[in-house]
Amino acid sequence: MLTDNNFRMIFPVSQSVRLRRLLLRNTNNKSFLVKIIPSSLKLLSITPLSQTGRSIYVVEADSTVYITVSLDQRGFNVDKDPEEMRYLHLDVYCVDQLPGKHALRGWLDSDSHPQSELVAALDIVRSRELAVLEVMLRLTNIGNEGPSRHITK
């Protein structure tokens, strides 16, 4: 079972992307902080920007982006609330000038090891060098069967 409040997900990025840092809440007003951590060694090539009050990072091409999801102090213990939070569901949307949204979805199983890594290859068709990724986290109770661990488009 879950022993701490941290999960780590790795997203290999084949091109430069912009990532947002978001504070998300579920219907019970419990907060989750999604931290965007660029992992490239060439940190000088990562430029923090400001847009609508959120932190945005321009990540170098061919770098790897680590996304850390953590419960804040108003969070709850999965062991004590198994019915309320069975799984954490991470949605990553690529918003481009193309019609619609290209979605990549990943699951974090609350029963898995907290340091397990979810890898999603961002295979995005875009008309320009930069794309904006919207990272969204939501709670899902889907029973005991568990979700597919594969990334779907």
N, C-alpha and C. Protein backbone atom coordinates (compact mmCIF):
# COMPACT_ATOMS: atom_id res chain seq x y z
N MET A 1 0.84 -1.20 0.00
CA MET A 1 0.00 0.00 0.00
C MET A 1 0.87 1.24 0.00
N LEU A 2 0.21 2.35 -0.15
CA LEU A 2 0.90 3.62 -0.21
C LEU A 2 1.52 3.96 1.14
N THR A 3 2.80 4.27 1.13
CA THR A 3 3.49 4.53 2.39
C THR A 3 3.90 5.99 2.56
N ASP A 4 3.91 6.76 1.50
CA ASP A 4 4.17 8.19 1.64
C ASP A 4 3.33 8.94 0.62
N ASN A 5 3.53 10.24 0.54
CA ASN A 5 2.64 11.07 -0.27
C ASN A 5 3.25 11.49 -1.61
N ASN A 6 4.28 10.80 -2.05
CA ASN A 6 4.95 11.22 -3.28
C ASN A 6 4.85 10.16 -4.37
N PHE A 7 4.59 10.60 -5.57
CA PHE A 7 4.61 9.75 -6.74
C PHE A 7 5.53 10.44 -7.76
N ARG A 8 6.19 9.63 -8.57
CA ARG A 8 7.04 10.24 -9.59
C ARG A 8 6.71 9.65 -10.95
N MET A 9 6.56 10.52 -11.92
CA MET A 9 6.28 10.10 -13.28
C MET A 9 7.30 10.71 -14.22
N ILE A 10 7.75 9.94 -15.20
CA ILE A 10 8.75 10.42 -16.14
C ILE A 10 8.11 10.54 -17.52
N PHE A 11 8.28 11.69 -18.13
CA PHE A 11 7.78 11.90 -19.47
C PHE A 11 8.95 12.24 -20.39
N PRO A 12 9.41 11.30 -21.22
CA PRO A 12 10.44 11.64 -22.20
C PRO A 12 9.85 12.63 -23.23
N VAL A 13 10.52 13.69 -23.44
CA VAL A 13 10.02 14.73 -24.34
C VAL A 13 10.91 14.78 -25.57
N SER A 14 10.31 14.57 -26.72
CA SER A 14 11.09 14.52 -27.95
C SER A 14 11.30 15.91 -28.54
N GLN A 15 10.48 16.86 -28.17
CA GLN A 15 10.64 18.23 -28.63
C GLN A 15 10.43 19.17 -27.46
N SER A 16 10.73 20.44 -27.70
CA SER A 16 10.54 21.43 -26.62
C SER A 16 9.06 21.56 -26.29
N VAL A 17 8.76 21.64 -25.01
CA VAL A 17 7.39 21.80 -24.58
C VAL A 17 7.33 22.84 -23.47
N ARG A 18 6.16 23.37 -23.27
CA ARG A 18 5.91 24.24 -22.13
C ARG A 18 5.07 23.48 -21.13
N LEU A 19 5.46 23.56 -19.88
CA LEU A 19 4.75 22.82 -18.84
C LEU A 19 4.24 23.78 -17.78
N ARG A 20 3.09 23.45 -17.23
CA ARG A 20 2.49 24.30 -16.22
C ARG A 20 2.59 23.65 -14.84
N ARG A 21 2.58 24.49 -13.85
CA ARG A 21 2.51 24.02 -12.47
C ARG A 21 1.11 24.35 -11.96
N LEU A 22 0.40 23.35 -11.54
CA LEU A 22 -1.00 23.53 -11.20
C LEU A 22 -1.28 23.05 -9.78
N LEU A 23 -2.21 23.70 -9.14
CA LEU A 23 -2.75 23.23 -7.87
C LEU A 23 -4.17 22.76 -8.14
N LEU A 24 -4.42 21.46 -7.93
CA LEU A 24 -5.69 20.87 -8.31
C LEU A 24 -6.44 20.40 -7.07
N ARG A 25 -7.74 20.49 -7.14
CA ARG A 25 -8.58 20.07 -6.02
C ARG A 25 -9.64 19.10 -6.52
N ASN A 26 -9.97 18.15 -5.69
CA ASN A 26 -11.08 17.26 -6.05
C ASN A 26 -12.37 17.81 -5.46
N THR A 27 -13.44 17.06 -5.60
CA THR A 27 -14.74 17.57 -5.16
C THR A 27 -14.82 17.74 -3.65
N ASN A 28 -13.96 17.05 -2.91
CA ASN A 28 -13.94 17.19 -1.46
C ASN A 28 -12.98 18.27 -0.99
N ASN A 29 -12.50 19.08 -1.92
CA ASN A 29 -11.64 20.21 -1.62
C ASN A 29 -10.31 19.78 -1.01
N LYS A 30 -9.82 18.60 -1.38
CA LYS A 30 -8.50 18.16 -0.95
C LYS A 30 -7.53 18.42 -2.09
N SER A 31 -6.41 18.99 -1.77
CA SER A 31 -5.54 19.55 -2.79
C SER A 31 -4.41 18.61 -3.18
N PHE A 32 -4.01 18.71 -4.42
CA PHE A 32 -2.86 18.01 -4.94
C PHE A 32 -1.98 19.01 -5.66
N LEU A 33 -0.71 18.99 -5.34
CA LEU A 33 0.22 19.90 -5.99
C LEU A 33 1.00 19.13 -7.04
N VAL A 34 0.91 19.57 -8.28
CA VAL A 34 1.64 18.96 -9.37
C VAL A 34 2.87 19.81 -9.63
N LYS A 35 4.03 19.27 -9.33
CA LYS A 35 5.27 20.00 -9.49
C LYS A 35 5.95 19.58 -10.79
N ILE A 36 6.32 20.56 -11.57
CA ILE A 36 7.03 20.30 -12.81
C ILE A 36 8.52 20.48 -12.55
N ILE A 37 9.29 19.41 -12.70
CA ILE A 37 10.72 19.45 -12.40
C ILE A 37 11.50 19.10 -13.65
N PRO A 38 12.08 20.09 -14.33
CA PRO A 38 12.93 19.76 -15.48
C PRO A 38 14.18 19.03 -15.02
N SER A 39 14.52 17.97 -15.73
CA SER A 39 15.64 17.14 -15.29
C SER A 39 16.86 17.28 -16.19
N SER A 40 16.79 18.15 -17.19
CA SER A 40 17.93 18.31 -18.08
C SER A 40 19.12 18.86 -17.30
N LEU A 41 20.31 18.38 -17.64
CA LEU A 41 21.51 18.88 -16.98
C LEU A 41 21.84 20.31 -17.42
N LYS A 42 21.36 20.70 -18.58
CA LYS A 42 21.62 22.05 -19.08
C LYS A 42 20.53 22.98 -18.55
N LEU A 43 20.62 23.28 -17.27
CA LEU A 43 19.56 24.05 -16.64
C LEU A 43 19.47 25.47 -17.18
N LEU A 44 20.57 25.98 -17.69
CA LEU A 44 20.55 27.35 -18.20
C LEU A 44 19.66 27.47 -19.43
N SER A 45 19.37 26.34 -20.06
CA SER A 45 18.53 26.38 -21.25
C SER A 45 17.04 26.34 -20.90
N ILE A 46 16.73 26.23 -19.62
CA ILE A 46 15.34 26.19 -19.17
C ILE A 46 14.99 27.57 -18.61
N THR A 47 14.05 28.22 -19.23
CA THR A 47 13.71 29.59 -18.88
C THR A 47 12.36 29.65 -18.19
N PRO A 48 12.31 30.11 -16.94
CA PRO A 48 11.01 30.27 -16.30
C PRO A 48 10.27 31.48 -16.87
N LEU A 49 9.01 31.28 -17.18
CA LEU A 49 8.19 32.34 -17.72
C LEU A 49 7.01 32.58 -16.79
N SER A 50 6.25 33.63 -17.06
CA SER A 50 5.08 33.93 -16.26
C SER A 50 3.89 34.09 -17.19
N GLN A 51 2.83 33.36 -16.89
CA GLN A 51 1.62 33.46 -17.70
C GLN A 51 0.42 33.16 -16.83
N THR A 52 -0.47 34.10 -16.71
CA THR A 52 -1.68 33.98 -15.90
C THR A 52 -1.40 33.49 -14.49
N GLY A 53 -0.31 33.96 -13.90
CA GLY A 53 -0.01 33.64 -12.52
C GLY A 53 0.54 32.25 -12.29
N ARG A 54 0.81 31.49 -13.34
CA ARG A 54 1.34 30.15 -13.17
C ARG A 54 2.77 30.08 -13.68
N SER A 55 3.53 29.16 -13.11
CA SER A 55 4.90 28.97 -13.55
C SER A 55 4.93 28.11 -14.80
N ILE A 56 5.62 28.57 -15.80
CA ILE A 56 5.74 27.84 -17.06
C ILE A 56 7.22 27.68 -17.37
N TYR A 57 7.61 26.47 -17.76
CA TYR A 57 8.99 26.19 -18.08
C TYR A 57 9.11 25.82 -19.55
N VAL A 58 10.11 26.40 -20.20
CA VAL A 58 10.45 25.98 -21.55
C VAL A 58 11.55 24.94 -21.43
N VAL A 59 11.23 23.72 -21.78
CA VAL A 59 12.14 22.61 -21.59
C VAL A 59 12.91 22.35 -22.87
N GLU A 60 14.18 22.08 -22.70
CA GLU A 60 15.05 21.84 -23.85
C GLU A 60 14.61 20.59 -24.59
N ALA A 61 14.77 20.61 -25.91
CA ALA A 61 14.43 19.45 -26.72
C ALA A 61 15.25 18.24 -26.29
N ASP A 62 14.63 17.07 -26.42
CA ASP A 62 15.27 15.79 -26.09
C ASP A 62 15.63 15.68 -24.61
N SER A 63 14.98 16.43 -23.77
CA SER A 63 15.21 16.31 -22.34
C SER A 63 14.12 15.43 -21.72
N THR A 64 14.29 15.11 -20.46
CA THR A 64 13.30 14.32 -19.74
C THR A 64 12.70 15.19 -18.65
N VAL A 65 11.39 15.15 -18.53
CA VAL A 65 10.69 15.96 -17.55
C VAL A 65 10.14 15.05 -16.46
N TYR A 66 10.47 15.37 -15.23
CA TYR A 66 9.94 14.63 -14.08
C TYR A 66 8.75 15.40 -13.52
N ILE A 67 7.64 14.72 -13.35
CA ILE A 67 6.48 15.34 -12.73
C ILE A 67 6.24 14.66 -11.39
N THR A 68 6.33 15.42 -10.32
CA THR A 68 6.13 14.89 -8.98
C THR A 68 4.74 15.29 -8.50
N VAL A 69 3.95 14.30 -8.11
CA VAL A 69 2.62 14.56 -7.59
C VAL A 69 2.63 14.28 -6.10
N SER A 70 2.26 15.24 -5.30
CA SER A 70 2.30 15.05 -3.85
C SER A 70 1.04 15.60 -3.21
N LEU A 71 0.59 14.93 -2.16
CA LEU A 71 -0.52 15.43 -1.37
C LEU A 71 -0.02 16.52 -0.44
N ASP A 72 -0.80 17.57 -0.32
CA ASP A 72 -0.41 18.61 0.61
C ASP A 72 -0.91 18.25 2.01
N GLN A 73 -0.76 19.17 2.96
CA GLN A 73 -1.11 18.87 4.35
C GLN A 73 -2.60 18.65 4.54
N ARG A 74 -3.40 19.13 3.62
CA ARG A 74 -4.83 18.90 3.71
C ARG A 74 -5.24 17.59 3.04
N GLY A 75 -4.25 16.83 2.61
CA GLY A 75 -4.53 15.57 1.97
C GLY A 75 -4.98 14.52 2.96
N PHE A 76 -5.07 13.31 2.51
CA PHE A 76 -5.55 12.24 3.37
C PHE A 76 -4.75 10.98 3.11
N ASN A 77 -4.88 10.04 3.99
CA ASN A 77 -4.15 8.79 3.91
C ASN A 77 -4.95 7.79 3.09
N VAL A 78 -4.33 7.25 2.06
CA VAL A 78 -5.03 6.31 1.20
C VAL A 78 -5.46 5.08 1.97
N ASP A 79 -4.62 4.65 2.91
CA ASP A 79 -4.95 3.46 3.71
C ASP A 79 -6.22 3.67 4.54
N LYS A 80 -6.45 4.91 4.96
CA LYS A 80 -7.62 5.19 5.79
C LYS A 80 -8.85 5.50 4.96
N ASP A 81 -8.66 5.90 3.72
CA ASP A 81 -9.77 6.26 2.84
C ASP A 81 -9.68 5.49 1.53
N PRO A 82 -9.72 4.15 1.58
CA PRO A 82 -9.53 3.38 0.35
C PRO A 82 -10.65 3.57 -0.65
N GLU A 83 -11.86 3.85 -0.17
CA GLU A 83 -12.97 4.00 -1.09
C GLU A 83 -12.97 5.39 -1.73
N GLU A 84 -12.42 6.35 -1.02
CA GLU A 84 -12.43 7.71 -1.54
C GLU A 84 -11.38 7.90 -2.63
N MET A 85 -10.23 7.30 -2.45
CA MET A 85 -9.20 7.44 -3.47
C MET A 85 -8.60 6.07 -3.75
N ARG A 86 -9.09 5.43 -4.77
CA ARG A 86 -8.54 4.14 -5.15
C ARG A 86 -7.35 4.34 -6.09
N TYR A 87 -7.47 5.27 -6.99
CA TYR A 87 -6.40 5.52 -7.95
C TYR A 87 -6.24 7.03 -8.17
N LEU A 88 -5.03 7.40 -8.47
CA LEU A 88 -4.78 8.75 -8.96
C LEU A 88 -4.74 8.69 -10.48
N HIS A 89 -5.43 9.57 -11.12
CA HIS A 89 -5.51 9.58 -12.57
C HIS A 89 -4.87 10.85 -13.09
N LEU A 90 -3.85 10.68 -13.91
CA LEU A 90 -3.15 11.83 -14.48
C LEU A 90 -3.51 11.97 -15.95
N ASP A 91 -3.99 13.12 -16.32
CA ASP A 91 -4.29 13.43 -17.71
C ASP A 91 -3.32 14.49 -18.20
N VAL A 92 -2.70 14.24 -19.34
CA VAL A 92 -1.82 15.23 -19.96
C VAL A 92 -2.40 15.56 -21.33
N TYR A 93 -2.74 16.82 -21.52
CA TYR A 93 -3.30 17.26 -22.77
C TYR A 93 -2.30 18.14 -23.51
N CYS A 94 -2.12 17.85 -24.76
CA CYS A 94 -1.31 18.72 -25.61
C CYS A 94 -2.24 19.65 -26.35
N VAL A 95 -2.15 20.92 -26.08
CA VAL A 95 -3.02 21.91 -26.70
C VAL A 95 -2.23 22.61 -27.79
N ASP A 96 -2.62 22.41 -29.01
CA ASP A 96 -1.94 23.03 -30.14
C ASP A 96 -2.97 23.81 -30.95
N GLN A 97 -2.55 24.40 -32.04
CA GLN A 97 -3.48 25.11 -32.89
C GLN A 97 -4.24 24.16 -33.81
N LEU A 98 -3.95 22.89 -33.69
CA LEU A 98 -4.74 21.91 -34.43
C LEU A 98 -6.10 21.76 -33.76
N PRO A 99 -7.11 21.34 -34.49
CA PRO A 99 -8.45 21.19 -33.89
C PRO A 99 -8.44 20.17 -32.76
N GLY A 100 -9.11 20.49 -31.68
CA GLY A 100 -9.26 19.56 -30.58
C GLY A 100 -8.02 19.45 -29.71
N LYS A 101 -8.04 18.44 -28.87
CA LYS A 101 -6.93 18.19 -27.95
C LYS A 101 -6.40 16.79 -28.16
N HIS A 102 -5.08 16.69 -28.11
CA HIS A 102 -4.44 15.38 -28.17
C HIS A 102 -4.15 14.96 -26.73
N ALA A 103 -4.77 13.87 -26.28
CA ALA A 103 -4.70 13.49 -24.87
C ALA A 103 -3.81 12.28 -24.67
N LEU A 104 -2.98 12.36 -23.64
CA LEU A 104 -2.23 11.21 -23.16
C LEU A 104 -2.65 10.98 -21.72
N ARG A 105 -3.06 9.75 -21.41
CA ARG A 105 -3.56 9.48 -20.07
C ARG A 105 -2.69 8.44 -19.38
N GLY A 106 -2.42 8.67 -18.11
CA GLY A 106 -1.63 7.72 -17.34
C GLY A 106 -2.28 7.45 -16.00
N TRP A 107 -2.06 6.24 -15.50
CA TRP A 107 -2.64 5.86 -14.22
C TRP A 107 -1.55 5.64 -13.19
N LEU A 108 -1.85 6.00 -11.97
CA LEU A 108 -1.01 5.64 -10.83
C LEU A 108 -1.85 4.79 -9.90
N ASP A 109 -1.45 3.56 -9.71
CA ASP A 109 -2.16 2.64 -8.84
C ASP A 109 -1.75 2.91 -7.40
N SER A 110 -2.72 3.19 -6.54
CA SER A 110 -2.39 3.50 -5.15
C SER A 110 -1.83 2.29 -4.41
N ASP A 111 -2.02 1.09 -4.97
CA ASP A 111 -1.47 -0.10 -4.34
C ASP A 111 -0.04 -0.38 -4.77
N SER A 112 0.44 0.33 -5.77
CA SER A 112 1.79 0.08 -6.26
C SER A 112 2.81 0.80 -5.39
N HIS A 113 4.07 0.51 -5.64
CA HIS A 113 5.13 1.15 -4.87
C HIS A 113 5.13 2.65 -5.13
N PRO A 114 5.25 3.48 -4.11
CA PRO A 114 5.14 4.93 -4.30
C PRO A 114 6.23 5.50 -5.19
N GLN A 115 7.34 4.80 -5.34
CA GLN A 115 8.40 5.31 -6.19
C GLN A 115 8.35 4.73 -7.60
N SER A 116 7.31 3.99 -7.91
CA SER A 116 7.20 3.43 -9.25
C SER A 116 7.07 4.55 -10.27
N GLU A 117 7.55 4.31 -11.46
CA GLU A 117 7.60 5.33 -12.49
C GLU A 117 6.65 4.98 -13.63
N LEU A 118 5.93 5.98 -14.06
CA LEU A 118 5.03 5.83 -15.19
C LEU A 118 5.65 6.56 -16.38
N VAL A 119 5.89 5.85 -17.46
CA VAL A 119 6.57 6.42 -18.61
C VAL A 119 5.57 6.61 -19.73
N ALA A 120 5.53 7.82 -20.27
CA ALA A 120 4.64 8.12 -21.39
C ALA A 120 5.45 8.82 -22.47
N ALA A 121 5.45 8.25 -23.64
CA ALA A 121 6.12 8.89 -24.78
C ALA A 121 5.17 9.91 -25.39
N LEU A 122 5.62 11.14 -25.50
CA LEU A 122 4.77 12.19 -26.03
C LEU A 122 4.90 12.20 -27.56
N ASP A 123 4.05 11.44 -28.20
CA ASP A 123 4.03 11.38 -29.65
C ASP A 123 2.98 12.37 -30.15
N ILE A 124 3.41 13.60 -30.36
CA ILE A 124 2.49 14.70 -30.60
C ILE A 124 2.71 15.25 -32.01
N VAL A 125 1.63 15.37 -32.74
CA VAL A 125 1.68 16.02 -34.05
C VAL A 125 1.43 17.50 -33.83
N ARG A 126 2.39 18.32 -34.18
CA ARG A 126 2.26 19.75 -33.94
C ARG A 126 2.78 20.53 -35.14
N SER A 127 2.29 21.73 -35.25
CA SER A 127 2.64 22.56 -36.39
C SER A 127 3.72 23.58 -36.04
N ARG A 128 4.27 23.48 -34.85
CA ARG A 128 5.30 24.42 -34.46
C ARG A 128 6.22 23.73 -33.46
N GLU A 129 7.28 24.38 -33.08
CA GLU A 129 8.28 23.74 -32.24
C GLU A 129 7.81 23.53 -30.81
N LEU A 130 7.01 24.45 -30.31
CA LEU A 130 6.58 24.37 -28.92
C LEU A 130 5.12 23.95 -28.84
N ALA A 131 4.82 23.17 -27.84
CA ALA A 131 3.44 22.80 -27.55
C ALA A 131 3.18 23.07 -26.08
N VAL A 132 1.94 23.35 -25.75
CA VAL A 132 1.57 23.60 -24.36
C VAL A 132 0.93 22.33 -23.81
N LEU A 133 1.48 21.85 -22.70
CA LEU A 133 0.93 20.66 -22.04
C LEU A 133 0.15 21.08 -20.81
N GLU A 134 -1.08 20.63 -20.72
CA GLU A 134 -1.88 20.86 -19.53
C GLU A 134 -1.88 19.57 -18.72
N VAL A 135 -1.37 19.65 -17.50
CA VAL A 135 -1.28 18.48 -16.63
C VAL A 135 -2.43 18.54 -15.64
N MET A 136 -3.25 17.50 -15.63
CA MET A 136 -4.42 17.49 -14.77
C MET A 136 -4.43 16.20 -13.96
N LEU A 137 -4.75 16.32 -12.68
CA LEU A 137 -4.82 15.16 -11.79
C LEU A 137 -6.21 15.09 -11.20
N ARG A 138 -6.79 13.89 -11.22
CA ARG A 138 -8.11 13.73 -10.62
C ARG A 138 -8.20 12.37 -9.94
N LEU A 139 -9.15 12.28 -9.03
CA LEU A 139 -9.34 11.05 -8.27
C LEU A 139 -10.35 10.16 -8.98
N THR A 140 -10.09 8.88 -8.94
CA THR A 140 -11.00 7.93 -9.56
C THR A 140 -11.12 6.71 -8.68
N ASN A 141 -12.33 6.29 -8.43
CA ASN A 141 -12.57 5.03 -7.73
C ASN A 141 -13.20 4.08 -8.73
N ILE A 142 -12.41 3.14 -9.24
CA ILE A 142 -12.90 2.27 -10.29
C ILE A 142 -12.98 0.82 -9.83
N GLY A 143 -12.96 0.61 -8.51
CA GLY A 143 -13.12 -0.73 -8.00
C GLY A 143 -11.81 -1.47 -7.88
N ASN A 144 -11.88 -2.78 -7.75
CA ASN A 144 -10.71 -3.58 -7.47
C ASN A 144 -9.98 -4.07 -8.71
N GLU A 145 -10.58 -3.90 -9.86
CA GLU A 145 -9.98 -4.45 -11.08
C GLU A 145 -8.71 -3.70 -11.45
N GLY A 146 -8.73 -2.40 -11.29
CA GLY A 146 -7.55 -1.63 -11.65
C GLY A 146 -7.56 -1.23 -13.11
N PRO A 147 -6.94 -0.09 -13.43
CA PRO A 147 -6.93 0.39 -14.81
C PRO A 147 -5.85 -0.30 -15.62
N SER A 148 -5.92 -0.07 -16.91
CA SER A 148 -4.84 -0.53 -17.78
C SER A 148 -3.62 0.34 -17.53
N ARG A 149 -2.46 -0.25 -17.52
CA ARG A 149 -1.25 0.51 -17.28
C ARG A 149 -0.67 1.08 -18.56
N HIS A 150 -1.34 0.84 -19.67
CA HIS A 150 -0.83 1.34 -20.94
C HIS A 150 -1.28 2.78 -21.16
N ILE A 151 -0.44 3.53 -21.84
CA ILE A 151 -0.79 4.90 -22.19
C ILE A 151 -1.67 4.86 -23.42
N THR A 152 -2.77 5.60 -23.38
CA THR A 152 -3.69 5.64 -24.51
C THR A 152 -3.74 7.03 -25.08
N LYS A 153 -4.05 7.09 -26.34
CA LYS A 153 -4.18 8.40 -26.99
C LYS A 153 -5.65 8.72 -27.18
